[in-house]
């Protein structure tokens, strides 16, 4: 986690904007708990994780939207219903706060 904050500080010191995604709340079985963070750069690269897989991909997509419009948002990642027919290890819901910092 320190690496996320170290890179956040470096980016801000250079005058760059970054997007920070933070797991705000969880219900049920989720890959990460509240407080997990992921830093997303404007080129789409990231550091840290909020859980991986399709849920993280959804948050990465929203992070890029936050870069475009600058509006923070709460993203609900629902891991309860498999979308591809496979059983999932997790079966909970995460709320992830996504914000741009400059």
PDB file of N, CA and C in Angstrom:
ATOM      1  N   UNK A   1       0.830  -1.199   0.000  1.00  0.00           N
ATOM      2  CA  UNK A   1       0.000   0.000   0.000  1.00  0.00           C
ATOM      3  C   UNK A   1       0.867   1.252   0.000  1.00  0.00           C
ATOM      4  N   UNK A   2       2.015   1.177   0.670  1.00  0.00           N
ATOM      5  CA  UNK A   2       2.892   2.345   0.700  1.00  0.00           C
ATOM      6  C   UNK A   2       3.331   2.745  -0.698  1.00  0.00           C
ATOM      7  N   UNK A   3       3.511   1.766  -1.576  1.00  0.00           N
ATOM      8  CA  UNK A   3       3.937   2.066  -2.942  1.00  0.00           C
ATOM      9  C   UNK A   3       2.889   2.912  -3.663  1.00  0.00           C
ATOM     10  N   UNK A   4       1.610   2.644  -3.423  1.00  0.00           N
ATOM     11  CA  UNK A   4       0.548   3.447  -4.036  1.00  0.00           C
ATOM     12  C   UNK A   4       0.673   4.894  -3.578  1.00  0.00           C
ATOM     13  N   UNK A   5       0.853   5.098  -2.279  1.00  0.00           N
ATOM     14  CA  UNK A   5       0.965   6.467  -1.766  1.00  0.00           C
ATOM     15  C   UNK A   5       2.263   7.131  -2.208  1.00  0.00           C
ATOM     16  N   UNK A   6       3.355   6.360  -2.283  1.00  0.00           N
ATOM     17  CA  UNK A   6       4.623   6.922  -2.762  1.00  0.00           C
ATOM     18  C   UNK A   6       4.477   7.416  -4.197  1.00  0.00           C
ATOM     19  N   UNK A   7       3.869   6.611  -5.069  1.00  0.00           N
ATOM     20  CA  UNK A   7       3.691   6.993  -6.464  1.00  0.00           C
ATOM     21  C   UNK A   7       2.690   8.141  -6.608  1.00  0.00           C
ATOM     22  N   UNK A   8       1.676   8.163  -5.759  1.00  0.00           N
ATOM     23  CA  UNK A   8       0.723   9.270  -5.743  1.00  0.00           C
ATOM     24  C   UNK A   8       1.453  10.569  -5.425  1.00  0.00           C
ATOM     25  N   UNK A   9       2.281  10.548  -4.397  1.00  0.00           N
ATOM     26  CA  UNK A   9       3.034  11.744  -4.005  1.00  0.00           C
ATOM     27  C   UNK A   9       3.977  12.195  -5.114  1.00  0.00           C
ATOM     28  N   UNK A  10       4.668  11.244  -5.746  1.00  0.00           N
ATOM     29  CA  UNK A  10       5.576  11.587  -6.844  1.00  0.00           C
ATOM     30  C   UNK A  10       4.824  12.252  -7.997  1.00  0.00           C
ATOM     31  N   UNK A  11       3.693  11.683  -8.364  1.00  0.00           N
ATOM     32  CA  UNK A  11       2.899  12.239  -9.467  1.00  0.00           C
ATOM     33  C   UNK A  11       2.431  13.655  -9.135  1.00  0.00           C
ATOM     34  N   UNK A  12       1.931  13.846  -7.938  1.00  0.00           N
ATOM     35  CA  UNK A  12       1.441  15.163  -7.548  1.00  0.00           C
ATOM     36  C   UNK A  12       2.578  16.182  -7.487  1.00  0.00           C
ATOM     37  N   UNK A  13       3.754  15.742  -7.016  1.00  0.00           N
ATOM     38  CA  UNK A  13       4.914  16.640  -6.981  1.00  0.00           C
ATOM     39  C   UNK A  13       5.336  17.061  -8.383  1.00  0.00           C
ATOM     40  N   UNK A  14       5.109  16.218  -9.375  1.00  0.00           N
ATOM     41  CA  UNK A  14       5.448  16.534 -10.765  1.00  0.00           C
ATOM     42  C   UNK A  14       4.332  17.315 -11.461  1.00  0.00           C
ATOM     43  N   UNK A  15       3.235  17.542 -10.773  1.00  0.00           N
ATOM     44  CA  UNK A  15       2.125  18.274 -11.360  1.00  0.00           C
ATOM     45  C   UNK A  15       1.222  17.431 -12.230  1.00  0.00           C
ATOM     46  N   UNK A  16       1.334  16.123 -12.103  1.00  0.00           N
ATOM     47  CA  UNK A  16       0.504  15.211 -12.893  1.00  0.00           C
ATOM     48  C   UNK A  16      -0.786  14.907 -12.135  1.00  0.00           C
ATOM     49  N   UNK A  17      -1.845  14.641 -12.879  1.00  0.00           N
ATOM     50  CA  UNK A  17      -3.068  14.182 -12.229  1.00  0.00           C
ATOM     51  C   UNK A  17      -3.102  12.655 -12.307  1.00  0.00           C
ATOM     52  N   UNK A  18      -3.696  12.059 -11.303  1.00  0.00           N
ATOM     53  CA  UNK A  18      -3.865  10.612 -11.238  1.00  0.00           C
ATOM     54  C   UNK A  18      -5.264  10.327 -10.721  1.00  0.00           C
ATOM     55  N   UNK A  19      -5.709   9.115 -10.921  1.00  0.00           N
ATOM     56  CA  UNK A  19      -6.999   8.707 -10.389  1.00  0.00           C
ATOM     57  C   UNK A  19      -6.740   7.661  -9.309  1.00  0.00           C
ATOM     58  N   UNK A  20      -7.404   7.840  -8.189  1.00  0.00           N
ATOM     59  CA  UNK A  20      -7.291   6.907  -7.079  1.00  0.00           C
ATOM     60  C   UNK A  20      -8.627   6.204  -6.910  1.00  0.00           C
ATOM     61  N   UNK A  21      -8.584   4.878  -6.934  1.00  0.00           N
ATOM     62  CA  UNK A  21      -9.781   4.058  -6.709  1.00  0.00           C
ATOM     63  C   UNK A  21      -9.631   3.401  -5.353  1.00  0.00           C
ATOM     64  N   UNK A  22     -10.616   3.601  -4.477  1.00  0.00           N
ATOM     65  CA  UNK A  22     -10.559   3.080  -3.115  1.00  0.00           C
ATOM     66  C   UNK A  22     -11.807   2.262  -2.833  1.00  0.00           C
ATOM     67  N   UNK A  23     -11.630   1.042  -2.372  1.00  0.00           N
ATOM     68  CA  UNK A  23     -12.776   0.230  -1.966  1.00  0.00           C
ATOM     69  C   UNK A  23     -13.362   0.897  -0.727  1.00  0.00           C
ATOM     70  N   UNK A  24     -14.586   1.395  -0.858  1.00  0.00           N
ATOM     71  CA  UNK A  24     -15.235   2.127   0.229  1.00  0.00           C
ATOM     72  C   UNK A  24     -16.043   1.209   1.134  1.00  0.00           C
ATOM     73  N   UNK A  25     -16.648   0.177   0.560  1.00  0.00           N
ATOM     74  CA  UNK A  25     -17.487  -0.733   1.350  1.00  0.00           C
ATOM     75  C   UNK A  25     -17.597  -2.060   0.620  1.00  0.00           C
ATOM     76  N   UNK A  26     -17.798  -3.119   1.380  1.00  0.00           N
ATOM     77  CA  UNK A  26     -18.007  -4.444   0.791  1.00  0.00           C
ATOM     78  C   UNK A  26     -19.152  -5.142   1.502  1.00  0.00           C
ATOM     79  N   UNK A  27     -19.788  -6.047   0.778  1.00  0.00           N
ATOM     80  CA  UNK A  27     -20.817  -6.915   1.338  1.00  0.00           C
ATOM     81  C   UNK A  27     -20.600  -8.302   0.759  1.00  0.00           C
ATOM     82  N   UNK A  28     -20.621  -9.305   1.593  1.00  0.00           N
ATOM     83  CA  UNK A  28     -20.423 -10.664   1.121  1.00  0.00           C
ATOM     84  C   UNK A  28     -18.956 -10.954   0.859  1.00  0.00           C
ATOM     85  N   UNK A  29     -18.706 -11.958   0.049  1.00  0.00           N
ATOM     86  CA  UNK A  29     -17.348 -12.401  -0.260  1.00  0.00           C
ATOM     87  C   UNK A  29     -16.775 -11.577  -1.408  1.00  0.00           C
ATOM     88  N   UNK A  30     -15.726 -10.802  -1.127  1.00  0.00           N
ATOM     89  CA  UNK A  30     -15.073  -9.972  -2.132  1.00  0.00           C
ATOM     90  C   UNK A  30     -13.566 -10.211  -2.066  1.00  0.00           C
ATOM     91  N   UNK A  31     -12.857  -9.945  -3.178  1.00  0.00           N
ATOM     92  CA  UNK A  31     -11.426 -10.216  -3.186  1.00  0.00           C
ATOM     93  C   UNK A  31     -10.611  -9.292  -2.286  1.00  0.00           C
ATOM     94  N   UNK A  32     -11.077  -8.079  -2.050  1.00  0.00           N
ATOM     95  CA  UNK A  32     -10.381  -7.121  -1.185  1.00  0.00           C
ATOM     96  C   UNK A  32     -11.395  -6.475  -0.264  1.00  0.00           C
ATOM     97  N   UNK A  33     -10.917  -5.934   0.804  1.00  0.00           N
ATOM     98  CA  UNK A  33     -11.764  -5.284   1.805  1.00  0.00           C
ATOM     99  C   UNK A  33     -11.707  -3.766   1.669  1.00  0.00           C
ATOM    100  N   UNK A  34     -12.566  -3.088   2.406  1.00  0.00           N
ATOM    101  CA  UNK A  34     -12.584  -1.627   2.408  1.00  0.00           C
ATOM    102  C   UNK A  34     -11.189  -1.107   2.731  1.00  0.00           C
ATOM    103  N   UNK A  35     -10.796  -0.078   1.991  1.00  0.00           N
ATOM    104  CA  UNK A  35      -9.480   0.526   2.175  1.00  0.00           C
ATOM    105  C   UNK A  35      -8.478   0.120   1.113  1.00  0.00           C
ATOM    106  N   UNK A  36      -8.738  -0.949   0.377  1.00  0.00           N
ATOM    107  CA  UNK A  36      -7.827  -1.345  -0.705  1.00  0.00           C
ATOM    108  C   UNK A  36      -7.820  -0.246  -1.762  1.00  0.00           C
ATOM    109  N   UNK A  37      -6.636   0.023  -2.328  1.00  0.00           N
ATOM    110  CA  UNK A  37      -6.524   1.137  -3.271  1.00  0.00           C
ATOM    111  C   UNK A  37      -5.774   0.735  -4.531  1.00  0.00           C
ATOM    112  N   UNK A  38      -6.111   1.447  -5.601  1.00  0.00           N
ATOM    113  CA  UNK A  38      -5.434   1.288  -6.879  1.00  0.00           C
ATOM    114  C   UNK A  38      -5.239   2.679  -7.478  1.00  0.00           C
ATOM    115  N   UNK A  39      -4.023   2.963  -7.911  1.00  0.00           N
ATOM    116  CA  UNK A  39      -3.690   4.224  -8.563  1.00  0.00           C
ATOM    117  C   UNK A  39      -3.710   4.003 -10.068  1.00  0.00           C
ATOM    118  N   UNK A  40      -4.379   4.882 -10.800  1.00  0.00           N
ATOM    119  CA  UNK A  40      -4.476   4.752 -12.254  1.00  0.00           C
ATOM    120  C   UNK A  40      -3.897   6.010 -12.889  1.00  0.00           C
ATOM    121  N   UNK A  41      -2.974   5.795 -13.828  1.00  0.00           N
ATOM    122  CA  UNK A  41      -2.342   6.903 -14.542  1.00  0.00           C
ATOM    123  C   UNK A  41      -3.134   7.203 -15.819  1.00  0.00           C
ATOM    124  N   UNK A  42      -2.860   8.360 -16.417  1.00  0.00           N
ATOM    125  CA  UNK A  42      -3.627   8.773 -17.601  1.00  0.00           C
ATOM    126  C   UNK A  42      -3.379   7.890 -18.817  1.00  0.00           C
ATOM    127  N   UNK A  43      -2.309   7.076 -18.803  1.00  0.00           N
ATOM    128  CA  UNK A  43      -2.073   6.155 -19.921  1.00  0.00           C
ATOM    129  C   UNK A  43      -2.767   4.803 -19.705  1.00  0.00           C
ATOM    130  N   UNK A  44      -3.520   4.679 -18.598  1.00  0.00           N
ATOM    131  CA  UNK A  44      -4.248   3.452 -18.301  1.00  0.00           C
ATOM    132  C   UNK A  44      -3.473   2.459 -17.457  1.00  0.00           C
ATOM    133  N   UNK A  45      -2.196   2.723 -17.205  1.00  0.00           N
ATOM    134  CA  UNK A  45      -1.430   1.823 -16.340  1.00  0.00           C
ATOM    135  C   UNK A  45      -1.870   2.033 -14.892  1.00  0.00           C
ATOM    136  N   UNK A  46      -1.666   1.011 -14.077  1.00  0.00           N
ATOM    137  CA  UNK A  46      -2.132   1.100 -12.695  1.00  0.00           C
ATOM    138  C   UNK A  46      -1.122   0.477 -11.749  1.00  0.00           C
ATOM    139  N   UNK A  47      -1.310   0.784 -10.485  1.00  0.00           N
ATOM    140  CA  UNK A  47      -0.470   0.281  -9.410  1.00  0.00           C
ATOM    141  C   UNK A  47      -1.393  -0.047  -8.247  1.00  0.00           C
ATOM    142  N   UNK A  48      -1.170  -1.170  -7.601  1.00  0.00           N
ATOM    143  CA  UNK A  48      -2.071  -1.616  -6.552  1.00  0.00           C
ATOM    144  C   UNK A  48      -3.216  -2.389  -7.177  1.00  0.00           C
ATOM    145  N   UNK A  49      -4.132  -2.836  -6.338  1.00  0.00           N
ATOM    146  CA  UNK A  49      -5.266  -3.607  -6.849  1.00  0.00           C
ATOM    147  C   UNK A  49      -6.479  -3.442  -5.936  1.00  0.00           C
ATOM    148  N   UNK A  50      -7.631  -3.540  -6.555  1.00  0.00           N
ATOM    149  CA  UNK A  50      -8.862  -3.577  -5.778  1.00  0.00           C
ATOM    150  C   UNK A  50      -9.505  -4.955  -5.906  1.00  0.00           C
ATOM    151  N   UNK A  51      -8.772  -5.899  -6.525  1.00  0.00           N
ATOM    152  CA  UNK A  51      -9.268  -7.267  -6.559  1.00  0.00           C
ATOM    153  C   UNK A  51      -9.027  -8.046  -7.828  1.00  0.00           C
ATOM    154  N   UNK A  52      -8.676  -7.385  -8.923  1.00  0.00           N
ATOM    155  CA  UNK A  52      -8.408  -8.099 -10.161  1.00  0.00           C
ATOM    156  C   UNK A  52      -9.669  -8.474 -10.921  1.00  0.00           C
ATOM    157  N   UNK A  53      -9.467  -9.155 -12.019  1.00  0.00           N
ATOM    158  CA  UNK A  53     -10.565  -9.692 -12.818  1.00  0.00           C
ATOM    159  C   UNK A  53     -11.459  -8.647 -13.439  1.00  0.00           C
ATOM    160  N   UNK A  54     -12.697  -9.076 -13.716  1.00  0.00           N
ATOM    161  CA  UNK A  54     -13.674  -8.219 -14.397  1.00  0.00           C
ATOM    162  C   UNK A  54     -14.026  -6.989 -13.579  1.00  0.00           C
ATOM    163  N   UNK A  55     -14.099  -7.133 -12.263  1.00  0.00           N
ATOM    164  CA  UNK A  55     -14.431  -5.995 -11.409  1.00  0.00           C
ATOM    165  C   UNK A  55     -13.389  -4.911 -11.496  1.00  0.00           C
ATOM    166  N   UNK A  56     -12.122  -5.291 -11.478  1.00  0.00           N
ATOM    167  CA  UNK A  56     -11.056  -4.310 -11.585  1.00  0.00           C
ATOM    168  C   UNK A  56     -11.062  -3.673 -12.972  1.00  0.00           C
ATOM    169  N   UNK A  57     -11.337  -4.458 -14.004  1.00  0.00           N
ATOM    170  CA  UNK A  57     -11.423  -3.910 -15.360  1.00  0.00           C
ATOM    171  C   UNK A  57     -12.534  -2.866 -15.446  1.00  0.00           C
ATOM    172  N   UNK A  58     -13.641  -3.120 -14.793  1.00  0.00           N
ATOM    173  CA  UNK A  58     -14.755  -2.160 -14.778  1.00  0.00           C
ATOM    174  C   UNK A  58     -14.325  -0.854 -14.112  1.00  0.00           C
ATOM    175  N   UNK A  59     -13.603  -0.964 -13.013  1.00  0.00           N
ATOM    176  CA  UNK A  59     -13.137   0.228 -12.298  1.00  0.00           C
ATOM    177  C   UNK A  59     -12.091   0.965 -13.121  1.00  0.00           C
ATOM    178  N   UNK A  60     -11.201   0.254 -13.801  1.00  0.00           N
ATOM    179  CA  UNK A  60     -10.224   0.899 -14.683  1.00  0.00           C
ATOM    180  C   UNK A  60     -10.925   1.699 -15.780  1.00  0.00           C
ATOM    181  N   UNK A  61     -11.975   1.125 -16.346  1.00  0.00           N
ATOM    182  CA  UNK A  61     -12.752   1.844 -17.363  1.00  0.00           C
ATOM    183  C   UNK A  61     -13.342   3.126 -16.779  1.00  0.00           C
ATOM    184  N   UNK A  62     -13.924   3.034 -15.601  1.00  0.00           N
ATOM    185  CA  UNK A  62     -14.505   4.223 -14.956  1.00  0.00           C
ATOM    186  C   UNK A  62     -13.425   5.238 -14.611  1.00  0.00           C
ATOM    187  N   UNK A  63     -12.233   4.757 -14.231  1.00  0.00           N
ATOM    188  CA  UNK A  63     -11.130   5.672 -13.921  1.00  0.00           C
ATOM    189  C   UNK A  63     -10.779   6.518 -15.140  1.00  0.00           C
ATOM    190  N   UNK A  64     -10.782   5.913 -16.316  1.00  0.00           N
ATOM    191  CA  UNK A  64     -10.484   6.667 -17.525  1.00  0.00           C
ATOM    192  C   UNK A  64     -11.585   7.683 -17.825  1.00  0.00           C
ATOM    193  N   UNK A  65     -12.817   7.362 -17.479  1.00  0.00           N
ATOM    194  CA  UNK A  65     -13.917   8.321 -17.625  1.00  0.00           C
ATOM    195  C   UNK A  65     -13.738   9.491 -16.655  1.00  0.00           C
ATOM    196  N   UNK A  66     -13.253   9.199 -15.450  1.00  0.00           N
ATOM    197  CA  UNK A  66     -12.992  10.258 -14.471  1.00  0.00           C
ATOM    198  C   UNK A  66     -11.914  11.200 -15.003  1.00  0.00           C
ATOM    199  N   UNK A  67     -10.916  10.657 -15.699  1.00  0.00           N
ATOM    200  CA  UNK A  67      -9.919  11.531 -16.332  1.00  0.00           C
ATOM    201  C   UNK A  67     -10.585  12.489 -17.298  1.00  0.00           C
ATOM    202  N   UNK A  68     -11.560  12.006 -18.052  1.00  0.00           N
ATOM    203  CA  UNK A  68     -12.209  12.831 -19.078  1.00  0.00           C
ATOM    204  C   UNK A  68     -13.074  13.927 -18.485  1.00  0.00           C
ATOM    205  N   UNK A  69     -13.927  13.565 -17.512  1.00  0.00           N
ATOM    206  CA  UNK A  69     -14.894  14.552 -17.019  1.00  0.00           C
ATOM    207  C   UNK A  69     -14.550  15.145 -15.649  1.00  0.00           C
ATOM    208  N   UNK A  70     -13.566  14.564 -14.958  1.00  0.00           N
ATOM    209  CA  UNK A  70     -13.146  15.112 -13.675  1.00  0.00           C
ATOM    210  C   UNK A  70     -14.102  14.871 -12.527  1.00  0.00           C
ATOM    211  N   UNK A  71     -15.180  14.149 -12.770  1.00  0.00           N
ATOM    212  CA  UNK A  71     -16.194  13.937 -11.728  1.00  0.00           C
ATOM    213  C   UNK A  71     -15.940  12.627 -10.989  1.00  0.00           C
ATOM    214  N   UNK A  72     -15.785  12.733  -9.672  1.00  0.00           N
ATOM    215  CA  UNK A  72     -15.636  11.538  -8.844  1.00  0.00           C
ATOM    216  C   UNK A  72     -16.926  10.738  -8.898  1.00  0.00           C
ATOM    217  N   UNK A  73     -16.807   9.454  -8.692  1.00  0.00           N
ATOM    218  CA  UNK A  73     -18.008   8.611  -8.710  1.00  0.00           C
ATOM    219  C   UNK A  73     -17.815   7.389  -7.831  1.00  0.00           C
ATOM    220  N   UNK A  74     -18.928   6.821  -7.447  1.00  0.00           N
ATOM    221  CA  UNK A  74     -18.956   5.576  -6.689  1.00  0.00           C
ATOM    222  C   UNK A  74     -19.369   4.480  -7.661  1.00  0.00           C
ATOM    223  N   UNK A  75     -18.506   3.486  -7.829  1.00  0.00           N
ATOM    224  CA  UNK A  75     -18.753   2.395  -8.766  1.00  0.00           C
ATOM    225  C   UNK A  75     -19.133   1.150  -7.971  1.00  0.00           C
ATOM    226  N   UNK A  76     -20.275   0.600  -8.266  1.00  0.00           N
ATOM    227  CA  UNK A  76     -20.705  -0.642  -7.627  1.00  0.00           C
ATOM    228  C   UNK A  76     -20.238  -1.815  -8.480  1.00  0.00           C
ATOM    229  N   UNK A  77     -19.426  -2.675  -7.884  1.00  0.00           N
ATOM    230  CA  UNK A  77     -18.917  -3.867  -8.558  1.00  0.00           C
ATOM    231  C   UNK A  77     -19.665  -5.059  -7.965  1.00  0.00           C
ATOM    232  N   UNK A  78     -20.541  -5.631  -8.764  1.00  0.00           N
ATOM    233  CA  UNK A  78     -21.393  -6.734  -8.320  1.00  0.00           C
ATOM    234  C   UNK A  78     -20.788  -8.057  -8.775  1.00  0.00           C
ATOM    235  N   UNK A  79     -20.341  -8.839  -7.826  1.00  0.00           N
ATOM    236  CA  UNK A  79     -19.701 -10.122  -8.115  1.00  0.00           C
ATOM    237  C   UNK A  79     -20.620 -11.294  -7.795  1.00  0.00           C
ATOM    238  N   UNK A  80     -21.917 -11.030  -7.708  1.00  0.00           N
ATOM    239  CA  UNK A  80     -22.856 -12.076  -7.299  1.00  0.00           C
ATOM    240  C   UNK A  80     -23.383 -12.907  -8.440  1.00  0.00           C
ATOM    241  N   UNK A  81     -23.434 -12.333  -9.641  1.00  0.00           N
ATOM    242  CA  UNK A  81     -23.995 -13.059 -10.776  1.00  0.00           C
ATOM    243  C   UNK A  81     -22.947 -13.265 -11.853  1.00  0.00           C
ATOM    244  N   UNK A  82     -22.551 -14.518 -12.102  1.00  0.00           N
ATOM    245  CA  UNK A  82     -21.584 -14.748 -13.173  1.00  0.00           C
ATOM    246  C   UNK A  82     -22.172 -14.338 -14.517  1.00  0.00           C
ATOM    247  N   UNK A  83     -21.372 -13.591 -15.307  1.00  0.00           N
ATOM    248  CA  UNK A  83     -21.876 -13.132 -16.601  1.00  0.00           C
ATOM    249  C   UNK A  83     -21.470 -14.055 -17.736  1.00  0.00           C
ATOM    250  N   UNK A  84     -20.526 -14.961 -17.473  1.00  0.00           N
ATOM    251  CA  UNK A  84     -20.063 -15.830 -18.552  1.00  0.00           C
ATOM    252  C   UNK A  84     -20.401 -17.297 -18.313  1.00  0.00           C
ATOM    253  N   UNK A  85     -21.247 -17.560 -17.321  1.00  0.00           N
ATOM    254  CA  UNK A  85     -21.678 -18.925 -17.063  1.00  0.00           C
ATOM    255  C   UNK A  85     -20.784 -19.695 -16.122  1.00  0.00           C
ATOM    256  N   UNK A  86     -19.603 -19.170 -15.805  1.00  0.00           N
ATOM    257  CA  UNK A  86     -18.705 -19.864 -14.895  1.00  0.00           C
ATOM    258  C   UNK A  86     -19.014 -19.483 -13.460  1.00  0.00           C
ATOM    259  N   UNK A  87     -18.750 -20.403 -12.562  1.00  0.00           N
ATOM    260  CA  UNK A  87     -18.881 -20.086 -11.146  1.00  0.00           C
ATOM    261  C   UNK A  87     -17.770 -19.129 -10.754  1.00  0.00           C
ATOM    262  N   UNK A  88     -18.085 -18.212  -9.900  1.00  0.00           N
ATOM    263  CA  UNK A  88     -17.113 -17.238  -9.424  1.00  0.00           C
ATOM    264  C   UNK A  88     -16.705 -17.594  -8.000  1.00  0.00           C
ATOM    265  N   UNK A  89     -15.462 -17.284  -7.648  1.00  0.00           N
ATOM    266  CA  UNK A  89     -14.989 -17.529  -6.292  1.00  0.00           C
ATOM    267  C   UNK A  89     -15.666 -16.564  -5.331  1.00  0.00           C
ATOM    268  N   UNK A  90     -15.789 -15.311  -5.740  1.00  0.00           N
ATOM    269  CA  UNK A  90     -16.405 -14.290  -4.894  1.00  0.00           C
ATOM    270  C   UNK A  90     -17.894 -14.226  -5.186  1.00  0.00           C
ATOM    271  N   UNK A  91     -18.627 -13.700  -4.244  1.00  0.00           N
ATOM    272  CA  UNK A  91     -20.054 -13.579  -4.462  1.00  0.00           C
ATOM    273  C   UNK A  91     -20.630 -12.368  -3.769  1.00  0.00           C
ATOM    274  N   UNK A  92     -19.810 -11.344  -3.614  1.00  0.00           N
ATOM    275  CA  UNK A  92     -20.268 -10.160  -2.903  1.00  0.00           C
ATOM    276  C   UNK A  92     -20.351  -8.940  -3.794  1.00  0.00           C
ATOM    277  N   UNK A  93     -20.421  -7.795  -3.146  1.00  0.00           N
ATOM    278  CA  UNK A  93     -20.539  -6.510  -3.828  1.00  0.00           C
ATOM    279  C   UNK A  93     -19.532  -5.553  -3.202  1.00  0.00           C
ATOM    280  N   UNK A  94     -18.835  -4.789  -4.060  1.00  0.00           N
ATOM    281  CA  UNK A  94     -17.906  -3.753  -3.586  1.00  0.00           C
ATOM    282  C   UNK A  94     -18.360  -2.405  -4.116  1.00  0.00           C
ATOM    283  N   UNK A  95     -18.293  -1.407  -3.277  1.00  0.00           N
ATOM    284  CA  UNK A  95     -18.472  -0.027  -3.706  1.00  0.00           C
ATOM    285  C   UNK A  95     -17.086   0.602  -3.741  1.00  0.00           C
ATOM    286  N   UNK A  96     -16.707   1.141  -4.900  1.00  0.00           N
ATOM    287  CA  UNK A  96     -15.364   1.689  -5.096  1.00  0.00           C
ATOM    288  C   UNK A  96     -15.486   3.166  -5.430  1.00  0.00           C
ATOM    289  N   UNK A  97     -14.855   4.017  -4.621  1.00  0.00           N
ATOM    290  CA  UNK A  97     -14.848   5.456  -4.864  1.00  0.00           C
ATOM    291  C   UNK A  97     -13.687   5.778  -5.783  1.00  0.00           C
ATOM    292  N   UNK A  98     -13.995   6.435  -6.902  1.00  0.00           N
ATOM    293  CA  UNK A  98     -12.995   6.747  -7.924  1.00  0.00           C
ATOM    294  C   UNK A  98     -12.915   8.259  -8.060  1.00  0.00           C
ATOM    295  N   UNK A  99     -11.703   8.828  -7.827  1.00  0.00           N
ATOM    296  CA  UNK A  99     -11.539  10.275  -7.835  1.00  0.00           C
ATOM    297  C   UNK A  99     -10.234  10.676  -8.503  1.00  0.00           C
ATOM    298  N   UNK A 100     -10.265  11.813  -9.175  1.00  0.00           N
ATOM    299  CA  UNK A 100      -9.049  12.358  -9.782  1.00  0.00           C
ATOM    300  C   UNK A 100      -8.397  13.305  -8.793  1.00  0.00           C
ATOM    301  N   UNK A 101      -7.089  13.163  -8.655  1.00  0.00           N
ATOM    302  CA  UNK A 101      -6.313  14.039  -7.763  1.00  0.00           C
ATOM    303  C   UNK A 101      -5.294  14.790  -8.605  1.00  0.00           C
ATOM    304  N   UNK A 102      -5.124  16.092  -8.319  1.00  0.00           N
ATOM    305  CA  UNK A 102      -4.177  16.888  -9.094  1.00  0.00           C
ATOM    306  C   UNK A 102      -3.385  17.792  -8.175  1.00  0.00           C
TER     307      UNK A 102
END
